Amino acid sequence: MGDNIFLAIGIVQLIIILSFAAGLFKTWTYGLVLLLHTVSTVSTFSLYTRPFDNLLFFAAWPMLAACIALFLLRDWDNLV
């Protein structure tokens, strides 16, 4: 793959994260952030078998729980 595809992926991720932070299109942005974080958490699952070598990866689980809670409670998120 060329460099342009990675630039495009980064720009799309930036747009998703900025929309998520602004509270726009909650069903889509909260869902995409949940999906992206779930994939990144599950894809590193083999690192959890050596817990004392990879303590930083354990911080992903509470963040995943927060993403799930935000997605499930998105209808009550009405600050904006």
N, C-alpha and C. Protein backbone atom coordinates (compact mmCIF):
# COMPACT_ATOMS: atom_id res chain seq x y z
N MET A 1 0.84 -1.18 0.00
CA MET A 1 0.00 0.00 0.00
C MET A 1 0.88 1.24 0.00
N GLY A 2 0.40 2.24 -0.64
CA GLY A 2 1.15 3.48 -0.69
C GLY A 2 0.92 4.32 0.55
N ASP A 3 1.68 5.38 0.65
CA ASP A 3 1.55 6.29 1.79
C ASP A 3 0.20 7.00 1.81
N ASN A 4 -0.38 7.22 0.66
CA ASN A 4 -1.64 7.96 0.58
C ASN A 4 -2.78 7.22 1.26
N ILE A 5 -2.80 5.90 1.19
CA ILE A 5 -3.87 5.15 1.83
C ILE A 5 -3.80 5.28 3.35
N PHE A 6 -2.58 5.29 3.88
CA PHE A 6 -2.44 5.46 5.33
C PHE A 6 -2.81 6.88 5.76
N LEU A 7 -2.51 7.84 4.93
CA LEU A 7 -2.92 9.23 5.20
C LEU A 7 -4.44 9.34 5.20
N ALA A 8 -5.08 8.69 4.23
CA ALA A 8 -6.54 8.71 4.15
C ALA A 8 -7.17 8.04 5.36
N ILE A 9 -6.62 6.90 5.79
CA ILE A 9 -7.13 6.21 6.97
C ILE A 9 -6.98 7.09 8.20
N GLY A 10 -5.85 7.76 8.34
CA GLY A 10 -5.63 8.66 9.47
C GLY A 10 -6.59 9.84 9.47
N ILE A 11 -6.88 10.38 8.31
CA ILE A 11 -7.81 11.50 8.22
C ILE A 11 -9.22 11.05 8.58
N VAL A 12 -9.62 9.87 8.12
CA VAL A 12 -10.94 9.33 8.47
C VAL A 12 -11.04 9.11 9.97
N GLN A 13 -10.00 8.54 10.57
CA GLN A 13 -10.01 8.33 12.02
C GLN A 13 -10.07 9.65 12.77
N LEU A 14 -9.37 10.66 12.29
CA LEU A 14 -9.41 11.97 12.93
C LEU A 14 -10.80 12.58 12.86
N ILE A 15 -11.46 12.45 11.72
CA ILE A 15 -12.83 12.96 11.58
C ILE A 15 -13.77 12.22 12.53
N ILE A 16 -13.61 10.90 12.64
CA ILE A 16 -14.46 10.11 13.55
C ILE A 16 -14.25 10.56 15.00
N ILE A 17 -13.00 10.72 15.41
CA ILE A 17 -12.70 11.10 16.80
C ILE A 17 -13.17 12.51 17.10
N LEU A 18 -12.99 13.45 16.18
CA LEU A 18 -13.45 14.82 16.41
C LEU A 18 -14.98 14.87 16.47
N SER A 19 -15.65 14.10 15.62
CA SER A 19 -17.11 14.04 15.68
C SER A 19 -17.58 13.40 16.98
N PHE A 20 -16.87 12.37 17.42
CA PHE A 20 -17.17 11.71 18.69
C PHE A 20 -17.03 12.69 19.85
N ALA A 21 -15.93 13.44 19.87
CA ALA A 21 -15.69 14.39 20.96
C ALA A 21 -16.70 15.53 20.94
N ALA A 22 -17.16 15.90 19.77
CA ALA A 22 -18.15 16.98 19.66
C ALA A 22 -19.57 16.49 19.91
N GLY A 23 -19.77 15.17 19.96
CA GLY A 23 -21.09 14.62 20.21
C GLY A 23 -21.98 14.61 18.98
N LEU A 24 -21.39 14.60 17.80
CA LEU A 24 -22.16 14.59 16.56
C LEU A 24 -22.45 13.17 16.12
N PHE A 25 -23.62 12.96 15.54
CA PHE A 25 -24.00 11.66 14.99
C PHE A 25 -23.68 10.53 15.97
N LYS A 26 -24.27 10.62 17.16
CA LYS A 26 -23.89 9.76 18.27
C LYS A 26 -23.97 8.27 17.96
N THR A 27 -25.00 7.84 17.28
CA THR A 27 -25.12 6.41 17.00
C THR A 27 -23.95 5.94 16.15
N TRP A 28 -23.60 6.69 15.14
CA TRP A 28 -22.51 6.30 14.25
C TRP A 28 -21.14 6.48 14.88
N THR A 29 -20.89 7.65 15.46
CA THR A 29 -19.54 7.89 15.99
C THR A 29 -19.26 7.06 17.23
N TYR A 30 -20.23 6.97 18.14
CA TYR A 30 -20.03 6.14 19.33
C TYR A 30 -19.86 4.68 18.92
N GLY A 31 -20.64 4.24 17.93
CA GLY A 31 -20.52 2.87 17.46
C GLY A 31 -19.18 2.59 16.80
N LEU A 32 -18.70 3.54 15.99
CA LEU A 32 -17.41 3.36 15.32
C LEU A 32 -16.26 3.37 16.32
N VAL A 33 -16.32 4.26 17.30
CA VAL A 33 -15.27 4.29 18.32
C VAL A 33 -15.29 2.99 19.12
N LEU A 34 -16.47 2.50 19.45
CA LEU A 34 -16.59 1.22 20.15
C LEU A 34 -16.02 0.09 19.29
N LEU A 35 -16.35 0.07 18.02
CA LEU A 35 -15.84 -0.98 17.13
C LEU A 35 -14.32 -0.91 16.99
N LEU A 36 -13.78 0.27 16.77
CA LEU A 36 -12.34 0.42 16.62
C LEU A 36 -11.60 0.03 17.90
N HIS A 37 -12.13 0.44 19.04
CA HIS A 37 -11.46 0.11 20.29
C HIS A 37 -11.58 -1.38 20.60
N THR A 38 -12.71 -1.99 20.27
CA THR A 38 -12.88 -3.42 20.48
C THR A 38 -11.87 -4.21 19.64
N VAL A 39 -11.71 -3.83 18.39
CA VAL A 39 -10.76 -4.52 17.51
C VAL A 39 -9.34 -4.37 18.05
N SER A 40 -8.97 -3.18 18.48
CA SER A 40 -7.60 -2.99 18.98
C SER A 40 -7.38 -3.71 20.31
N THR A 41 -8.40 -3.84 21.12
CA THR A 41 -8.26 -4.54 22.40
C THR A 41 -8.18 -6.05 22.19
N VAL A 42 -9.04 -6.58 21.34
CA VAL A 42 -9.07 -8.02 21.12
C VAL A 42 -7.85 -8.47 20.30
N SER A 43 -7.37 -7.64 19.41
CA SER A 43 -6.23 -8.04 18.57
C SER A 43 -4.94 -8.19 19.38
N THR A 44 -4.86 -7.59 20.54
CA THR A 44 -3.67 -7.71 21.39
C THR A 44 -3.90 -8.72 22.52
N PHE A 45 -4.87 -9.60 22.35
CA PHE A 45 -5.24 -10.53 23.41
C PHE A 45 -4.08 -11.43 23.85
N SER A 46 -3.20 -11.80 22.94
CA SER A 46 -2.09 -12.68 23.31
C SER A 46 -1.13 -12.01 24.30
N LEU A 47 -1.11 -10.70 24.34
CA LEU A 47 -0.22 -10.00 25.28
C LEU A 47 -0.71 -10.09 26.73
N TYR A 48 -1.98 -10.45 26.90
CA TYR A 48 -2.52 -10.56 28.26
C TYR A 48 -2.07 -11.84 28.96
N THR A 49 -1.47 -12.76 28.23
CA THR A 49 -0.98 -13.99 28.85
C THR A 49 0.32 -13.76 29.62
N ARG A 50 0.99 -12.65 29.36
CA ARG A 50 2.20 -12.26 30.09
C ARG A 50 1.92 -10.93 30.78
N PRO A 51 1.14 -10.94 31.85
CA PRO A 51 0.63 -9.69 32.42
C PRO A 51 1.69 -8.75 32.95
N PHE A 52 2.78 -9.25 33.50
CA PHE A 52 3.75 -8.34 34.10
C PHE A 52 4.69 -7.72 33.07
N ASP A 53 4.67 -8.23 31.85
CA ASP A 53 5.45 -7.63 30.78
C ASP A 53 4.65 -6.58 30.01
N ASN A 54 3.33 -6.62 30.13
CA ASN A 54 2.47 -5.77 29.31
C ASN A 54 1.36 -5.13 30.15
N LEU A 55 1.71 -4.52 31.24
CA LEU A 55 0.70 -3.94 32.12
C LEU A 55 -0.11 -2.83 31.47
N LEU A 56 0.48 -2.10 30.54
CA LEU A 56 -0.20 -0.98 29.91
C LEU A 56 -1.42 -1.43 29.12
N PHE A 57 -1.38 -2.65 28.58
CA PHE A 57 -2.51 -3.12 27.77
C PHE A 57 -3.76 -3.38 28.61
N PHE A 58 -3.61 -3.57 29.90
CA PHE A 58 -4.78 -3.80 30.75
C PHE A 58 -5.64 -2.56 30.91
N ALA A 59 -5.11 -1.40 30.60
CA ALA A 59 -5.90 -0.16 30.66
C ALA A 59 -6.95 -0.11 29.55
N ALA A 60 -6.84 -0.96 28.57
CA ALA A 60 -7.80 -0.97 27.47
C ALA A 60 -9.16 -1.52 27.89
N TRP A 61 -9.20 -2.40 28.89
CA TRP A 61 -10.47 -3.01 29.29
C TRP A 61 -11.42 -2.03 29.95
N PRO A 62 -10.98 -1.20 30.91
CA PRO A 62 -11.91 -0.20 31.44
C PRO A 62 -12.35 0.81 30.38
N MET A 63 -11.46 1.14 29.46
CA MET A 63 -11.83 2.05 28.37
C MET A 63 -12.87 1.40 27.46
N LEU A 64 -12.73 0.10 27.23
CA LEU A 64 -13.73 -0.61 26.43
C LEU A 64 -15.08 -0.61 27.14
N ALA A 65 -15.07 -0.80 28.44
CA ALA A 65 -16.32 -0.74 29.21
C ALA A 65 -16.95 0.65 29.13
N ALA A 66 -16.12 1.69 29.16
CA ALA A 66 -16.64 3.06 29.04
C ALA A 66 -17.23 3.30 27.65
N CYS A 67 -16.61 2.75 26.62
CA CYS A 67 -17.15 2.89 25.26
C CYS A 67 -18.49 2.17 25.12
N ILE A 68 -18.59 0.99 25.74
CA ILE A 68 -19.86 0.26 25.72
C ILE A 68 -20.93 1.06 26.44
N ALA A 69 -20.60 1.60 27.61
CA ALA A 69 -21.57 2.39 28.37
C ALA A 69 -22.00 3.63 27.59
N LEU A 70 -21.06 4.32 26.96
CA LEU A 70 -21.42 5.49 26.16
C LEU A 70 -22.34 5.12 25.01
N PHE A 71 -22.06 4.01 24.35
CA PHE A 71 -22.91 3.60 23.23
C PHE A 71 -24.31 3.25 23.71
N LEU A 72 -24.40 2.50 24.81
CA LEU A 72 -25.71 2.09 25.32
C LEU A 72 -26.52 3.26 25.87
N LEU A 73 -25.84 4.26 26.40
CA LEU A 73 -26.52 5.41 27.01
C LEU A 73 -26.52 6.65 26.11
N ARG A 74 -26.28 6.48 24.82
CA ARG A 74 -26.14 7.62 23.91
C ARG A 74 -27.41 8.46 23.82
N ASP A 75 -28.57 7.87 24.03
CA ASP A 75 -29.82 8.64 23.97
C ASP A 75 -29.97 9.58 25.14
N TRP A 76 -29.32 9.29 26.25
CA TRP A 76 -29.38 10.15 27.43
C TRP A 76 -28.25 11.18 27.47
N ASP A 77 -27.35 11.10 26.51
CA ASP A 77 -26.26 12.08 26.41
C ASP A 77 -26.79 13.30 25.66
N ASN A 78 -27.31 14.27 26.42
CA ASN A 78 -27.98 15.40 25.79
C ASN A 78 -27.38 16.75 26.23
N LEU A 79 -26.11 16.79 26.50
CA LEU A 79 -25.47 18.04 26.89
C LEU A 79 -25.44 19.03 25.74
N VAL A 80 -25.24 18.52 24.53
CA VAL A 80 -25.15 19.40 23.36
C VAL A 80 -26.51 19.75 22.86
